[in-house]
PDB file of all heavy atoms in Angstrom:
ATOM      1  N   PRO A   1       9.298   3.940  12.823  1.00  0.00           N
ATOM      2  CA  PRO A   1      10.268   4.781  13.520  1.00  0.00           C
ATOM      3  C   PRO A   1      11.438   3.971  14.085  1.00  0.00           C
ATOM      4  O   PRO A   1      12.585   4.534  14.081  1.00  0.00           O
ATOM      5  CB  PRO A   1       9.445   5.370  14.707  1.00  0.00           C
ATOM      6  CG  PRO A   1       8.015   5.281  14.300  1.00  0.00           C
ATOM      7  CD  PRO A   1       7.934   4.004  13.438  1.00  0.00           C
ATOM      8  N   VAL A   2      11.269   2.748  14.423  1.00  0.00           N
ATOM      9  CA  VAL A   2      12.263   1.918  14.922  1.00  0.00           C
ATOM     10  C   VAL A   2      13.453   1.648  13.894  1.00  0.00           C
ATOM     11  O   VAL A   2      14.528   1.501  14.201  1.00  0.00           O
ATOM     12  CB  VAL A   2      11.782   0.617  15.547  1.00  0.00           C
ATOM     13  CG1 VAL A   2      11.262  -0.255  14.405  1.00  0.00           C
ATOM     14  CG2 VAL A   2      12.767  -0.178  16.332  1.00  0.00           C
ATOM     15  N   ALA A   3      13.002   1.587  12.566  1.00  0.00           N
ATOM     16  CA  ALA A   3      13.901   1.351  11.469  1.00  0.00           C
ATOM     17  C   ALA A   3      15.012   2.475  11.364  1.00  0.00           C
ATOM     18  O   ALA A   3      16.176   2.362  10.986  1.00  0.00           O
ATOM     19  CB  ALA A   3      13.245   1.141  10.183  1.00  0.00           C
ATOM     20  N   THR A   4      14.572   3.812  11.599  1.00  0.00           N
ATOM     21  CA  THR A   4      15.430   4.931  11.449  1.00  0.00           C
ATOM     22  C   THR A   4      16.351   5.019  12.819  1.00  0.00           C
ATOM     23  O   THR A   4      17.392   5.559  12.729  1.00  0.00           O
ATOM     24  CB  THR A   4      14.629   6.168  11.299  1.00  0.00           C
ATOM     25  OG1 THR A   4      13.630   6.326  12.496  1.00  0.00           O
ATOM     26  CG2 THR A   4      13.835   6.152  10.048  1.00  0.00           C
ATOM     27  N   ASN A   5      15.860   4.507  13.858  1.00  0.00           N
ATOM     28  CA  ASN A   5      16.569   4.700  15.113  1.00  0.00           C
ATOM     29  C   ASN A   5      17.595   3.583  15.346  1.00  0.00           C
ATOM     30  O   ASN A   5      18.476   3.657  16.250  1.00  0.00           O
ATOM     31  CB  ASN A   5      15.629   4.842  16.323  1.00  0.00           C
ATOM     32  CG  ASN A   5      14.706   5.914  16.256  1.00  0.00           C
ATOM     33  OD1 ASN A   5      15.033   7.008  15.690  1.00  0.00           O
ATOM     34  ND2 ASN A   5      13.508   5.762  16.811  1.00  0.00           N
ATOM     35  N   PHE A   6      17.397   2.402  14.722  1.00  0.00           N
ATOM     36  CA  PHE A   6      18.312   1.326  14.796  1.00  0.00           C
ATOM     37  C   PHE A   6      19.077   1.038  13.438  1.00  0.00           C
ATOM     38  O   PHE A   6      18.515   0.523  12.532  1.00  0.00           O
ATOM     39  CB  PHE A   6      17.522   0.166  15.214  1.00  0.00           C
ATOM     40  CG  PHE A   6      18.256  -0.925  16.024  1.00  0.00           C
ATOM     41  CD1 PHE A   6      18.919  -0.712  17.134  1.00  0.00           C
ATOM     42  CD2 PHE A   6      18.427  -2.211  15.345  1.00  0.00           C
ATOM     43  CE1 PHE A   6      19.572  -1.788  17.809  1.00  0.00           C
ATOM     44  CE2 PHE A   6      19.171  -3.212  15.862  1.00  0.00           C
ATOM     45  CZ  PHE A   6      19.741  -2.898  17.136  1.00  0.00           C
ATOM     46  N   PRO A   7      20.352   1.388  13.427  1.00  0.00           N
ATOM     47  CA  PRO A   7      21.005   1.322  12.095  1.00  0.00           C
ATOM     48  C   PRO A   7      21.217  -0.176  11.495  1.00  0.00           C
ATOM     49  O   PRO A   7      21.153  -0.384  10.366  1.00  0.00           O
ATOM     50  CB  PRO A   7      22.389   2.029  12.454  1.00  0.00           C
ATOM     51  CG  PRO A   7      22.167   2.758  13.558  1.00  0.00           C
ATOM     52  CD  PRO A   7      21.214   2.020  14.433  1.00  0.00           C
ATOM     53  N   ILE A   8      21.333  -1.089  12.532  1.00  0.00           N
ATOM     54  CA  ILE A   8      21.535  -2.457  12.032  1.00  0.00           C
ATOM     55  C   ILE A   8      20.189  -2.994  11.356  1.00  0.00           C
ATOM     56  O   ILE A   8      20.406  -3.686  10.330  1.00  0.00           O
ATOM     57  CB  ILE A   8      21.844  -3.369  13.218  1.00  0.00           C
ATOM     58  CG1 ILE A   8      23.125  -2.868  13.899  1.00  0.00           C
ATOM     59  CG2 ILE A   8      21.834  -4.806  12.793  1.00  0.00           C
ATOM     60  CD1 ILE A   8      23.529  -3.721  15.154  1.00  0.00           C
ATOM     61  N   LEU A   9      19.115  -2.639  11.818  1.00  0.00           N
ATOM     62  CA  LEU A   9      17.870  -2.912  11.139  1.00  0.00           C
ATOM     63  C   LEU A   9      17.814  -2.340   9.784  1.00  0.00           C
ATOM     64  O   LEU A   9      17.360  -2.896   8.879  1.00  0.00           O
ATOM     65  CB  LEU A   9      16.615  -2.613  12.048  1.00  0.00           C
ATOM     66  CG  LEU A   9      15.332  -2.858  11.551  1.00  0.00           C
ATOM     67  CD1 LEU A   9      15.090  -4.323  11.247  1.00  0.00           C
ATOM     68  CD2 LEU A   9      14.170  -2.368  12.478  1.00  0.00           C
ATOM     69  N   SER A  10      18.032  -0.991   9.733  1.00  0.00           N
ATOM     70  CA  SER A  10      17.976  -0.327   8.448  1.00  0.00           C
ATOM     71  C   SER A  10      18.904  -0.950   7.372  1.00  0.00           C
ATOM     72  O   SER A  10      18.611  -1.022   6.234  1.00  0.00           O
ATOM     73  CB  SER A  10      18.241   1.118   8.554  1.00  0.00           C
ATOM     74  OG  SER A  10      19.603   1.398   9.149  1.00  0.00           O
ATOM     75  N   MET A  11      20.157  -1.336   7.864  1.00  0.00           N
ATOM     76  CA  MET A  11      21.157  -2.065   6.904  1.00  0.00           C
ATOM     77  C   MET A  11      20.557  -3.322   6.454  1.00  0.00           C
ATOM     78  O   MET A  11      20.704  -3.688   5.329  1.00  0.00           O
ATOM     79  CB  MET A  11      22.420  -2.072   7.617  1.00  0.00           C
ATOM     80  CG  MET A  11      23.119  -0.725   7.782  1.00  0.00           C
ATOM     81  SD  MET A  11      24.673  -0.900   8.673  1.00  0.00           S
ATOM     82  CE  MET A  11      25.590  -2.061   7.662  1.00  0.00           C
ATOM     83  N   GLY A  12      19.938  -4.101   7.406  1.00  0.00           N
ATOM     84  CA  GLY A  12      19.482  -5.409   7.041  1.00  0.00           C
ATOM     85  C   GLY A  12      18.282  -5.286   6.064  1.00  0.00           C
ATOM     86  O   GLY A  12      18.129  -6.128   5.117  1.00  0.00           O
ATOM     87  N   LEU A  13      17.479  -4.285   6.267  1.00  0.00           N
ATOM     88  CA  LEU A  13      16.236  -4.052   5.311  1.00  0.00           C
ATOM     89  C   LEU A  13      16.782  -3.670   3.870  1.00  0.00           C
ATOM     90  O   LEU A  13      16.273  -4.082   2.988  1.00  0.00           O
ATOM     91  CB  LEU A  13      15.350  -2.916   5.839  1.00  0.00           C
ATOM     92  CG  LEU A  13      14.562  -3.359   7.095  1.00  0.00           C
ATOM     93  CD1 LEU A  13      13.863  -2.194   7.668  1.00  0.00           C
ATOM     94  CD2 LEU A  13      13.574  -4.425   6.799  1.00  0.00           C
ATOM     95  N   ARG A  14      17.825  -2.803   3.878  1.00  0.00           N
ATOM     96  CA  ARG A  14      18.381  -2.362   2.672  1.00  0.00           C
ATOM     97  C   ARG A  14      19.029  -3.603   1.876  1.00  0.00           C
ATOM     98  O   ARG A  14      18.903  -3.723   0.692  1.00  0.00           O
ATOM     99  CB  ARG A  14      19.456  -1.289   2.814  1.00  0.00           C
ATOM    100  CG  ARG A  14      19.920  -0.636   1.543  1.00  0.00           C
ATOM    101  CD  ARG A  14      21.003   0.424   1.791  1.00  0.00           C
ATOM    102  NE  ARG A  14      20.446   1.494   2.712  1.00  0.00           N
ATOM    103  CZ  ARG A  14      20.812   1.705   3.911  1.00  0.00           C
ATOM    104  NH1 ARG A  14      21.850   0.967   4.432  1.00  0.00           N
ATOM    105  NH2 ARG A  14      20.299   2.712   4.674  1.00  0.00           N
ATOM    106  N   GLU A  15      19.705  -4.455   2.648  1.00  0.00           N
ATOM    107  CA  GLU A  15      20.363  -5.695   2.002  1.00  0.00           C
ATOM    108  C   GLU A  15      19.281  -6.650   1.461  1.00  0.00           C
ATOM    109  O   GLU A  15      19.267  -7.199   0.458  1.00  0.00           O
ATOM    110  CB  GLU A  15      21.180  -6.396   3.036  1.00  0.00           C
ATOM    111  CG  GLU A  15      21.965  -7.517   2.459  1.00  0.00           C
ATOM    112  CD  GLU A  15      22.783  -8.202   3.512  1.00  0.00           C
ATOM    113  OE1 GLU A  15      22.865  -7.685   4.574  1.00  0.00           O
ATOM    114  OE2 GLU A  15      23.382  -9.293   3.188  1.00  0.00           O
ATOM    115  N   TYR A  16      18.197  -6.693   2.173  1.00  0.00           N
ATOM    116  CA  TYR A  16      17.039  -7.513   1.807  1.00  0.00           C
ATOM    117  C   TYR A  16      16.392  -7.029   0.577  1.00  0.00           C
ATOM    118  O   TYR A  16      16.168  -7.795  -0.417  1.00  0.00           O
ATOM    119  CB  TYR A  16      15.952  -7.646   2.990  1.00  0.00           C
ATOM    120  CG  TYR A  16      15.181  -8.912   2.923  1.00  0.00           C
ATOM    121  CD1 TYR A  16      14.485  -9.280   4.012  1.00  0.00           C
ATOM    122  CD2 TYR A  16      14.901  -9.625   1.774  1.00  0.00           C
ATOM    123  CE1 TYR A  16      13.662 -10.352   4.121  1.00  0.00           C
ATOM    124  CE2 TYR A  16      14.087 -10.757   1.779  1.00  0.00           C
ATOM    125  CZ  TYR A  16      13.477 -11.047   3.014  1.00  0.00           C
ATOM    126  OH  TYR A  16      12.697 -12.184   2.923  1.00  0.00           O
ATOM    127  N   CYS A  17      16.243  -5.801   0.508  1.00  0.00           N
ATOM    128  CA  CYS A  17      15.647  -5.102  -0.781  1.00  0.00           C
ATOM    129  C   CYS A  17      16.534  -5.270  -1.968  1.00  0.00           C
ATOM    130  O   CYS A  17      16.092  -5.629  -3.044  1.00  0.00           O
ATOM    131  CB  CYS A  17      15.408  -3.675  -0.557  1.00  0.00           C
ATOM    132  SG  CYS A  17      13.997  -3.245   0.680  1.00  0.00           S
ATOM    133  N   LEU A  18      17.894  -5.162  -1.811  1.00  0.00           N
ATOM    134  CA  LEU A  18      18.802  -5.423  -2.925  1.00  0.00           C
ATOM    135  C   LEU A  18      18.772  -6.828  -3.380  1.00  0.00           C
ATOM    136  O   LEU A  18      18.838  -7.133  -4.462  1.00  0.00           O
ATOM    137  CB  LEU A  18      20.298  -4.972  -2.408  1.00  0.00           C
ATOM    138  CG  LEU A  18      20.520  -3.490  -2.274  1.00  0.00           C
ATOM    139  CD1 LEU A  18      21.900  -3.262  -1.647  1.00  0.00           C
ATOM    140  CD2 LEU A  18      20.300  -2.775  -3.547  1.00  0.00           C
ATOM    141  N   GLN A  19      18.602  -7.766  -2.401  1.00  0.00           N
ATOM    142  CA  GLN A  19      18.552  -9.113  -2.837  1.00  0.00           C
ATOM    143  C   GLN A  19      17.316  -9.386  -3.742  1.00  0.00           C
ATOM    144  O   GLN A  19      17.351 -10.104  -4.663  1.00  0.00           O
ATOM    145  CB  GLN A  19      18.592 -10.097  -1.530  1.00  0.00           C
ATOM    146  CG  GLN A  19      18.259 -11.525  -1.869  1.00  0.00           C
ATOM    147  CD  GLN A  19      18.275 -12.415  -0.592  1.00  0.00           C
ATOM    148  OE1 GLN A  19      19.092 -12.305   0.161  1.00  0.00           O
ATOM    149  NE2 GLN A  19      17.243 -13.328  -0.587  1.00  0.00           N
ATOM    150  N   LEU A  20      16.248  -8.799  -3.275  1.00  0.00           N
ATOM    151  CA  LEU A  20      14.986  -9.019  -4.133  1.00  0.00           C
ATOM    152  C   LEU A  20      15.054  -8.332  -5.426  1.00  0.00           C
ATOM    153  O   LEU A  20      14.531  -8.859  -6.322  1.00  0.00           O
ATOM    154  CB  LEU A  20      13.802  -8.417  -3.238  1.00  0.00           C
ATOM    155  CG  LEU A  20      13.301  -9.182  -2.035  1.00  0.00           C
ATOM    156  CD1 LEU A  20      12.315  -8.492  -1.287  1.00  0.00           C
ATOM    157  CD2 LEU A  20      12.860 -10.547  -2.366  1.00  0.00           C
ATOM    158  N   GLN A  21      15.844  -7.306  -5.608  1.00  0.00           N
ATOM    159  CA  GLN A  21      16.080  -6.694  -6.812  1.00  0.00           C
ATOM    160  C   GLN A  21      16.856  -7.595  -7.785  1.00  0.00           C
ATOM    161  O   GLN A  21      16.599  -7.532  -9.065  1.00  0.00           O
ATOM    162  CB  GLN A  21      16.659  -5.299  -6.669  1.00  0.00           C
ATOM    163  CG  GLN A  21      15.670  -4.275  -6.097  1.00  0.00           C
ATOM    164  CD  GLN A  21      16.431  -2.937  -5.791  1.00  0.00           C
ATOM    165  OE1 GLN A  21      17.574  -2.773  -6.317  1.00  0.00           O
ATOM    166  NE2 GLN A  21      15.669  -1.988  -5.264  1.00  0.00           N
ATOM    167  N   HIS A  22      17.795  -8.280  -7.231  1.00  0.00           N
ATOM    168  CA  HIS A  22      18.759  -9.014  -8.103  1.00  0.00           C
ATOM    169  C   HIS A  22      18.182 -10.517  -8.341  1.00  0.00           C
ATOM    170  O   HIS A  22      18.497 -11.013  -9.402  1.00  0.00           O
ATOM    171  CB  HIS A  22      20.165  -9.065  -7.441  1.00  0.00           C
ATOM    172  CG  HIS A  22      20.867  -7.784  -7.571  1.00  0.00           C
ATOM    173  ND1 HIS A  22      20.804  -6.821  -6.477  1.00  0.00           N
ATOM    174  CD2 HIS A  22      21.770  -7.257  -8.519  1.00  0.00           C
ATOM    175  CE1 HIS A  22      21.514  -5.774  -6.799  1.00  0.00           C
ATOM    176  NE2 HIS A  22      22.101  -5.956  -7.956  1.00  0.00           N
ATOM    177  N   LEU A  23      17.598 -11.052  -7.309  1.00  0.00           N
ATOM    178  CA  LEU A  23      17.107 -12.378  -7.486  1.00  0.00           C
ATOM    179  C   LEU A  23      15.585 -12.288  -7.737  1.00  0.00           C
ATOM    180  O   LEU A  23      14.745 -12.492  -6.797  1.00  0.00           O
ATOM    181  CB  LEU A  23      17.380 -13.089  -6.129  1.00  0.00           C
ATOM    182  CG  LEU A  23      18.773 -13.227  -5.712  1.00  0.00           C
ATOM    183  CD1 LEU A  23      18.879 -14.068  -4.432  1.00  0.00           C
ATOM    184  CD2 LEU A  23      19.689 -13.893  -6.750  1.00  0.00           C
ATOM    185  N   ARG A  24      15.269 -12.116  -8.961  1.00  0.00           N
ATOM    186  CA  ARG A  24      13.811 -12.060  -9.301  1.00  0.00           C
ATOM    187  C   ARG A  24      13.429 -13.459  -9.558  1.00  0.00           C
ATOM    188  O   ARG A  24      14.003 -14.231 -10.340  1.00  0.00           O
ATOM    189  CB  ARG A  24      13.703 -11.141 -10.653  1.00  0.00           C
ATOM    190  CG  ARG A  24      14.000  -9.687 -10.329  1.00  0.00           C
ATOM    191  CD  ARG A  24      13.524  -8.892 -11.582  1.00  0.00           C
ATOM    192  NE  ARG A  24      13.785  -7.426 -11.300  1.00  0.00           N
ATOM    193  CZ  ARG A  24      12.814  -6.743 -10.624  1.00  0.00           C
ATOM    194  NH1 ARG A  24      11.659  -7.144 -10.334  1.00  0.00           N
ATOM    195  NH2 ARG A  24      13.057  -5.373 -10.508  1.00  0.00           N
ATOM    196  N   LEU A  25      12.293 -13.731  -9.101  1.00  0.00           N
ATOM    197  CA  LEU A  25      11.675 -15.080  -9.335  1.00  0.00           C
ATOM    198  C   LEU A  25      10.997 -15.332 -10.698  1.00  0.00           C
ATOM    199  O   LEU A  25      10.102 -14.482 -11.100  1.00  0.00           O
ATOM    200  CB  LEU A  25      10.681 -15.379  -8.243  1.00  0.00           C
ATOM    201  CG  LEU A  25      10.155 -16.872  -8.194  1.00  0.00           C
ATOM    202  CD1 LEU A  25      11.299 -17.781  -7.680  1.00  0.00           C
ATOM    203  CD2 LEU A  25       8.950 -16.941  -7.161  1.00  0.00           C
ATOM    204  N   LEU A  26      11.492 -16.212 -11.504  1.00  0.00           N
ATOM    205  CA  LEU A  26      10.981 -16.547 -12.822  1.00  0.00           C
ATOM    206  C   LEU A  26      10.890 -18.014 -12.990  1.00  0.00           C
ATOM    207  O   LEU A  26      11.774 -18.768 -12.630  1.00  0.00           O
ATOM    208  CB  LEU A  26      11.912 -15.883 -13.890  1.00  0.00           C
ATOM    209  CG  LEU A  26      12.056 -14.508 -13.954  1.00  0.00           C
ATOM    210  CD1 LEU A  26      13.123 -13.953 -15.042  1.00  0.00           C
ATOM    211  CD2 LEU A  26      10.753 -13.745 -14.407  1.00  0.00           C
ATOM    212  N   PHE A  27       9.828 -18.453 -13.540  1.00  0.00           N
ATOM    213  CA  PHE A  27       9.636 -19.864 -14.007  1.00  0.00           C
ATOM    214  C   PHE A  27       9.770 -19.843 -15.514  1.00  0.00           C
ATOM    215  O   PHE A  27       8.896 -19.407 -16.237  1.00  0.00           O
ATOM    216  CB  PHE A  27       8.235 -20.352 -13.530  1.00  0.00           C
ATOM    217  CG  PHE A  27       8.030 -20.423 -12.018  1.00  0.00           C
ATOM    218  CD1 PHE A  27       7.500 -19.423 -11.404  1.00  0.00           C
ATOM    219  CD2 PHE A  27       8.395 -21.591 -11.415  1.00  0.00           C
ATOM    220  CE1 PHE A  27       7.336 -19.461 -10.031  1.00  0.00           C
ATOM    221  CE2 PHE A  27       8.157 -21.749 -10.009  1.00  0.00           C
ATOM    222  CZ  PHE A  27       7.696 -20.720  -9.361  1.00  0.00           C
ATOM    223  N   THR A  28      10.933 -20.519 -15.821  1.00  0.00           N
ATOM    224  CA  THR A  28      11.200 -20.570 -17.369  1.00  0.00           C
ATOM    225  C   THR A  28      11.570 -22.002 -17.740  1.00  0.00           C
ATOM    226  O   THR A  28      11.663 -22.908 -16.969  1.00  0.00           O
ATOM    227  CB  THR A  28      12.466 -19.714 -17.538  1.00  0.00           C
ATOM    228  OG1 THR A  28      13.576 -20.355 -17.064  1.00  0.00           O
ATOM    229  CG2 THR A  28      12.212 -18.296 -17.125  1.00  0.00           C
ATOM    230  N   CYS A  29      11.411 -22.203 -19.097  1.00  0.00           N
ATOM    231  CA  CYS A  29      11.880 -23.431 -19.721  1.00  0.00           C
ATOM    232  C   CYS A  29      13.280 -23.313 -20.252  1.00  0.00           C
ATOM    233  O   CYS A  29      13.576 -22.991 -21.381  1.00  0.00           O
ATOM    234  CB  CYS A  29      10.953 -23.833 -20.897  1.00  0.00           C
ATOM    235  SG  CYS A  29       9.400 -24.675 -20.346  1.00  0.00           S
ATOM    236  N   GLY A  30      14.295 -23.408 -19.360  1.00  0.00           N
ATOM    237  CA  GLY A  30      15.693 -23.319 -19.703  1.00  0.00           C
ATOM    238  C   GLY A  30      15.989 -21.955 -20.298  1.00  0.00           C
ATOM    239  O   GLY A  30      17.008 -21.884 -21.050  1.00  0.00           O
ATOM    240  N   GLY A  31      15.250 -20.888 -20.039  1.00  0.00           N
ATOM    241  CA  GLY A  31      15.496 -19.581 -20.617  1.00  0.00           C
ATOM    242  C   GLY A  31      14.981 -19.293 -21.956  1.00  0.00           C
ATOM    243  O   GLY A  31      15.076 -18.215 -22.497  1.00  0.00           O
TER     244      GLY A  31
END
């Protein structure tokens, strides 16, 4: 409930989720 009542927290959570969607963790050999 606190996430819906506090806009700064909801914006921070949304930004965190977007970062995880774009920065996917991969272990590769040079691609």
